[in-house]
Amino acid sequence: MALTFTDGTITSTTSEVDIFDVTADAHYACWIFAHNMAAGDTMVFKVYVKDQNGTTMRVWVQKTLTDAQTNEPAFFVPFVATKQYKISIQKTVGTNRAFTWQRIVQT
C-alpha cells in the first residue's frame, strides 16, 4: 500500500471553507498546524465523510480550538476509509489566520 502526501495553506474566514474535498476510495488522514492562532481566536474544524446511502457528506468529527496553541500546535485526524473526504475550517471568534495542513492518502 502506497502513501501519498499533499500539503497546503488556507486562511480562515467567518464562513465555513473547505481545506480540501477529495473523492476516491482510500484511507485518508490529515495533519493540521494551528501554530498561528493567538489569544481570543476560536476556530472550528469539521471532518466530513460520504454517506454510503447517497451523495450527502456527513460530519464525522468536529474539533474546536481556542486561543494560542502553544502546547499542542498540531493535531492529527486519524485514518478513515471512505469514498469522499472533506475537512473545513471556520473562524467563529478572533482574527483570520493561515493554517498549514498535510493530507495523507493510503491506496
N, C-alpha and C. Protein backbone atom coordinates (compact mmCIF):
# COMPACT_ATOMS: atom_id res chain seq x y z
N MET A 1 0.83 -1.18 0.00
CA MET A 1 0.00 0.00 0.00
C MET A 1 0.88 1.24 0.00
N ALA A 2 0.56 2.14 -0.89
CA ALA A 2 1.35 3.36 -1.05
C ALA A 2 0.73 4.52 -0.28
N LEU A 3 1.59 5.40 0.23
CA LEU A 3 1.14 6.64 0.87
C LEU A 3 1.44 7.80 -0.06
N THR A 4 0.48 8.72 -0.16
CA THR A 4 0.67 9.95 -0.92
C THR A 4 0.44 11.13 0.01
N PHE A 5 1.35 12.11 -0.02
CA PHE A 5 1.26 13.28 0.83
C PHE A 5 0.99 14.51 -0.03
N THR A 6 0.02 15.31 0.40
CA THR A 6 -0.29 16.59 -0.25
C THR A 6 -0.37 17.63 0.85
N ASP A 7 0.22 18.79 0.62
CA ASP A 7 0.15 19.82 1.65
C ASP A 7 -0.25 21.16 1.06
N GLY A 8 -0.63 22.06 1.95
CA GLY A 8 -1.05 23.38 1.50
C GLY A 8 -1.26 24.31 2.68
N THR A 9 -1.79 25.48 2.36
CA THR A 9 -2.08 26.50 3.35
C THR A 9 -3.45 27.08 3.04
N ILE A 10 -4.22 27.38 4.07
CA ILE A 10 -5.53 28.01 3.91
C ILE A 10 -5.67 29.07 4.99
N THR A 11 -6.39 30.13 4.67
CA THR A 11 -6.68 31.18 5.64
C THR A 11 -8.14 31.08 6.04
N SER A 12 -8.38 31.12 7.34
CA SER A 12 -9.74 31.02 7.86
C SER A 12 -10.55 32.26 7.50
N THR A 13 -11.88 32.09 7.50
CA THR A 13 -12.82 33.21 7.32
C THR A 13 -13.99 32.98 8.26
N THR A 14 -14.93 33.91 8.28
CA THR A 14 -16.12 33.73 9.11
C THR A 14 -17.08 32.73 8.51
N SER A 15 -16.90 32.37 7.25
CA SER A 15 -17.69 31.33 6.60
C SER A 15 -16.94 30.00 6.68
N GLU A 16 -17.66 28.90 6.68
CA GLU A 16 -17.02 27.60 6.63
C GLU A 16 -16.44 27.40 5.24
N VAL A 17 -15.14 27.15 5.15
CA VAL A 17 -14.47 26.94 3.87
C VAL A 17 -13.75 25.59 3.90
N ASP A 18 -13.72 24.93 2.75
CA ASP A 18 -13.07 23.62 2.64
C ASP A 18 -11.56 23.78 2.59
N ILE A 19 -10.88 23.05 3.43
CA ILE A 19 -9.43 22.94 3.32
C ILE A 19 -9.13 22.09 2.09
N PHE A 20 -9.88 21.01 1.94
CA PHE A 20 -9.86 20.19 0.73
C PHE A 20 -11.10 19.31 0.70
N ASP A 21 -11.41 18.80 -0.47
CA ASP A 21 -12.54 17.89 -0.68
C ASP A 21 -12.09 16.93 -1.77
N VAL A 22 -11.81 15.68 -1.40
CA VAL A 22 -11.28 14.71 -2.36
C VAL A 22 -12.22 13.52 -2.47
N THR A 23 -12.27 12.95 -3.67
CA THR A 23 -13.14 11.82 -3.95
C THR A 23 -12.31 10.68 -4.52
N ALA A 24 -12.28 9.57 -3.82
CA ALA A 24 -11.64 8.33 -4.27
C ALA A 24 -11.76 7.33 -3.14
N ASP A 25 -11.83 6.07 -3.47
CA ASP A 25 -11.86 5.03 -2.44
C ASP A 25 -10.45 4.90 -1.86
N ALA A 26 -10.29 5.29 -0.58
CA ALA A 26 -8.96 5.27 0.02
C ALA A 26 -9.09 5.42 1.53
N HIS A 27 -7.94 5.33 2.21
CA HIS A 27 -7.82 5.69 3.62
C HIS A 27 -7.23 7.09 3.66
N TYR A 28 -7.87 8.00 4.40
CA TYR A 28 -7.43 9.39 4.47
C TYR A 28 -7.08 9.76 5.92
N ALA A 29 -6.10 10.63 6.05
CA ALA A 29 -5.74 11.21 7.34
C ALA A 29 -5.22 12.62 7.07
N CYS A 30 -5.04 13.40 8.13
CA CYS A 30 -4.59 14.78 7.92
C CYS A 30 -3.91 15.33 9.17
N TRP A 31 -2.85 16.09 8.95
CA TRP A 31 -2.24 16.93 9.98
C TRP A 31 -2.74 18.36 9.75
N ILE A 32 -3.09 19.04 10.83
CA ILE A 32 -3.42 20.47 10.75
C ILE A 32 -2.54 21.18 11.77
N PHE A 33 -1.92 22.27 11.32
CA PHE A 33 -0.96 23.01 12.14
C PHE A 33 -1.56 24.36 12.50
N ALA A 34 -1.81 24.55 13.80
CA ALA A 34 -2.52 25.73 14.30
C ALA A 34 -1.61 26.68 15.07
N HIS A 35 -0.34 26.68 14.73
CA HIS A 35 0.64 27.49 15.46
C HIS A 35 0.45 28.99 15.30
N ASN A 36 -0.34 29.44 14.31
CA ASN A 36 -0.55 30.87 14.10
C ASN A 36 -1.71 31.43 14.91
N MET A 37 -2.43 30.60 15.64
CA MET A 37 -3.54 31.10 16.45
C MET A 37 -3.02 31.96 17.60
N ALA A 38 -3.87 32.92 18.03
CA ALA A 38 -3.49 33.83 19.11
C ALA A 38 -4.63 33.92 20.13
N ALA A 39 -4.35 34.55 21.24
CA ALA A 39 -5.37 34.74 22.28
C ALA A 39 -6.59 35.41 21.68
N GLY A 40 -7.76 34.89 22.01
CA GLY A 40 -9.01 35.45 21.51
C GLY A 40 -9.54 34.78 20.25
N ASP A 41 -8.77 33.89 19.64
CA ASP A 41 -9.21 33.19 18.42
C ASP A 41 -9.99 31.92 18.79
N THR A 42 -11.00 31.63 18.00
CA THR A 42 -11.71 30.35 18.08
C THR A 42 -11.92 29.86 16.66
N MET A 43 -11.48 28.64 16.37
CA MET A 43 -11.62 28.02 15.06
C MET A 43 -12.33 26.68 15.21
N VAL A 44 -13.21 26.39 14.25
CA VAL A 44 -13.93 25.11 14.24
C VAL A 44 -13.51 24.35 12.99
N PHE A 45 -13.05 23.13 13.19
CA PHE A 45 -12.67 22.23 12.10
C PHE A 45 -13.69 21.10 12.05
N LYS A 46 -14.15 20.76 10.85
CA LYS A 46 -15.09 19.65 10.68
C LYS A 46 -14.53 18.68 9.65
N VAL A 47 -14.65 17.39 9.96
CA VAL A 47 -14.24 16.33 9.05
C VAL A 47 -15.51 15.64 8.56
N TYR A 48 -15.67 15.59 7.24
CA TYR A 48 -16.84 15.00 6.62
C TYR A 48 -16.45 13.73 5.88
N VAL A 49 -17.38 12.76 5.86
CA VAL A 49 -17.24 11.58 5.02
C VAL A 49 -18.55 11.38 4.27
N LYS A 50 -18.46 10.66 3.17
CA LYS A 50 -19.64 10.46 2.32
C LYS A 50 -20.55 9.40 2.92
N ASP A 51 -21.84 9.72 2.96
CA ASP A 51 -22.86 8.78 3.42
C ASP A 51 -22.97 7.66 2.39
N GLN A 52 -22.90 6.42 2.85
CA GLN A 52 -22.94 5.27 1.93
C GLN A 52 -24.26 5.16 1.19
N ASN A 53 -25.31 5.79 1.67
CA ASN A 53 -26.64 5.67 1.06
C ASN A 53 -26.95 6.79 0.06
N GLY A 54 -26.01 7.63 -0.26
CA GLY A 54 -26.28 8.71 -1.20
C GLY A 54 -25.08 9.57 -1.43
N THR A 55 -25.34 10.80 -1.79
CA THR A 55 -24.27 11.73 -2.11
C THR A 55 -24.04 12.74 -0.99
N THR A 56 -24.70 12.58 0.13
CA THR A 56 -24.61 13.54 1.23
C THR A 56 -23.32 13.34 2.02
N MET A 57 -22.65 14.44 2.32
CA MET A 57 -21.49 14.40 3.20
C MET A 57 -21.98 14.60 4.64
N ARG A 58 -21.47 13.78 5.55
CA ARG A 58 -21.87 13.84 6.97
C ARG A 58 -20.66 14.19 7.83
N VAL A 59 -20.88 14.99 8.88
CA VAL A 59 -19.80 15.31 9.81
C VAL A 59 -19.45 14.05 10.59
N TRP A 60 -18.16 13.71 10.56
CA TRP A 60 -17.66 12.56 11.30
C TRP A 60 -17.06 13.02 12.63
N VAL A 61 -16.25 14.09 12.57
CA VAL A 61 -15.58 14.62 13.75
C VAL A 61 -15.59 16.14 13.65
N GLN A 62 -15.76 16.79 14.79
CA GLN A 62 -15.64 18.25 14.85
C GLN A 62 -14.70 18.60 15.99
N LYS A 63 -13.79 19.55 15.75
CA LYS A 63 -12.82 19.96 16.76
C LYS A 63 -12.81 21.48 16.82
N THR A 64 -12.92 22.03 18.03
CA THR A 64 -12.88 23.47 18.24
C THR A 64 -11.60 23.82 18.99
N LEU A 65 -10.83 24.75 18.45
CA LEU A 65 -9.61 25.23 19.10
C LEU A 65 -9.83 26.67 19.52
N THR A 66 -9.36 27.01 20.70
CA THR A 66 -9.47 28.39 21.19
C THR A 66 -8.10 28.88 21.66
N ASP A 67 -7.86 30.15 21.44
CA ASP A 67 -6.65 30.84 21.90
C ASP A 67 -5.38 30.28 21.25
N ALA A 68 -4.24 30.79 21.69
CA ALA A 68 -2.95 30.37 21.13
C ALA A 68 -2.72 28.89 21.42
N GLN A 69 -2.20 28.17 20.45
CA GLN A 69 -1.97 26.73 20.57
C GLN A 69 -0.49 26.48 20.86
N THR A 70 -0.05 26.89 22.04
CA THR A 70 1.37 26.81 22.37
C THR A 70 1.79 25.41 22.81
N ASN A 71 0.92 24.66 23.49
CA ASN A 71 1.29 23.33 23.99
C ASN A 71 1.14 22.25 22.94
N GLU A 72 0.10 22.34 22.13
CA GLU A 72 -0.15 21.34 21.08
C GLU A 72 -0.54 22.05 19.80
N PRO A 73 0.42 22.65 19.09
CA PRO A 73 0.10 23.44 17.91
C PRO A 73 -0.22 22.64 16.65
N ALA A 74 -0.22 21.31 16.75
CA ALA A 74 -0.58 20.46 15.62
C ALA A 74 -1.52 19.38 16.12
N PHE A 75 -2.45 18.98 15.25
CA PHE A 75 -3.28 17.83 15.60
C PHE A 75 -3.47 16.95 14.39
N PHE A 76 -3.71 15.67 14.67
CA PHE A 76 -3.80 14.65 13.64
C PHE A 76 -5.22 14.13 13.57
N VAL A 77 -5.80 14.12 12.38
CA VAL A 77 -7.09 13.48 12.15
C VAL A 77 -6.77 12.07 11.69
N PRO A 78 -7.16 11.04 12.46
CA PRO A 78 -6.74 9.67 12.16
C PRO A 78 -7.30 9.13 10.84
N PHE A 79 -6.67 8.07 10.35
CA PHE A 79 -7.08 7.45 9.10
C PHE A 79 -8.53 6.97 9.17
N VAL A 80 -9.25 7.21 8.07
CA VAL A 80 -10.61 6.73 7.92
C VAL A 80 -10.76 6.24 6.48
N ALA A 81 -11.41 5.11 6.31
CA ALA A 81 -11.68 4.59 4.97
C ALA A 81 -13.01 5.15 4.49
N THR A 82 -13.02 5.77 3.31
CA THR A 82 -14.24 6.36 2.78
C THR A 82 -14.11 6.60 1.29
N LYS A 83 -15.21 6.96 0.67
CA LYS A 83 -15.25 7.25 -0.77
C LYS A 83 -15.03 8.73 -1.06
N GLN A 84 -15.32 9.60 -0.09
CA GLN A 84 -15.10 11.03 -0.23
C GLN A 84 -14.74 11.58 1.13
N TYR A 85 -13.84 12.56 1.17
CA TYR A 85 -13.27 13.06 2.42
C TYR A 85 -13.11 14.56 2.30
N LYS A 86 -13.61 15.27 3.30
CA LYS A 86 -13.53 16.73 3.27
C LYS A 86 -13.26 17.24 4.68
N ILE A 87 -12.39 18.26 4.77
CA ILE A 87 -12.15 18.96 6.03
C ILE A 87 -12.38 20.44 5.79
N SER A 88 -13.12 21.06 6.72
CA SER A 88 -13.39 22.50 6.60
C SER A 88 -12.90 23.23 7.84
N ILE A 89 -12.80 24.55 7.71
CA ILE A 89 -12.40 25.42 8.81
C ILE A 89 -13.33 26.62 8.82
N GLN A 90 -13.63 27.10 10.03
CA GLN A 90 -14.42 28.32 10.18
C GLN A 90 -13.94 29.08 11.41
N LYS A 91 -13.67 30.38 11.21
CA LYS A 91 -13.32 31.24 12.35
C LYS A 91 -14.63 31.72 12.96
N THR A 92 -14.82 31.48 14.25
CA THR A 92 -16.03 31.96 14.90
C THR A 92 -15.77 33.17 15.78
N VAL A 93 -14.53 33.34 16.23
CA VAL A 93 -14.13 34.49 17.03
C VAL A 93 -12.68 34.80 16.72
N GLY A 94 -12.33 36.10 16.70
CA GLY A 94 -10.93 36.48 16.56
C GLY A 94 -10.57 36.95 15.17
N THR A 95 -9.33 36.68 14.80
CA THR A 95 -8.74 37.16 13.56
C THR A 95 -8.53 36.00 12.60
N ASN A 96 -8.71 36.25 11.30
CA ASN A 96 -8.41 35.22 10.30
C ASN A 96 -6.94 34.85 10.40
N ARG A 97 -6.67 33.57 10.32
CA ARG A 97 -5.29 33.06 10.45
C ARG A 97 -4.99 32.08 9.32
N ALA A 98 -3.72 31.98 8.98
CA ALA A 98 -3.26 31.00 7.99
C ALA A 98 -2.95 29.68 8.71
N PHE A 99 -3.40 28.58 8.12
CA PHE A 99 -3.17 27.25 8.66
C PHE A 99 -2.52 26.40 7.58
N THR A 100 -1.46 25.70 7.95
CA THR A 100 -0.86 24.74 7.04
C THR A 100 -1.43 23.37 7.36
N TRP A 101 -1.44 22.50 6.35
CA TRP A 101 -2.01 21.17 6.52
C TRP A 101 -1.26 20.18 5.64
N GLN A 102 -1.40 18.91 5.99
CA GLN A 102 -0.82 17.83 5.19
C GLN A 102 -1.81 16.67 5.18
N ARG A 103 -2.30 16.34 3.99
CA ARG A 103 -3.23 15.22 3.82
C ARG A 103 -2.43 13.99 3.42
N ILE A 104 -2.78 12.85 4.04
CA ILE A 104 -2.14 11.57 3.74
C ILE A 104 -3.20 10.64 3.18
N VAL A 105 -2.92 10.04 2.04
CA VAL A 105 -3.84 9.11 1.40
C VAL A 105 -3.12 7.78 1.26
N GLN A 106 -3.79 6.72 1.69
CA GLN A 106 -3.27 5.36 1.53
C GLN A 106 -4.21 4.63 0.58
N THR A 107 -3.64 4.17 -0.54
CA THR A 107 -4.45 3.46 -1.53
C THR A 107 -4.00 2.02 -1.67
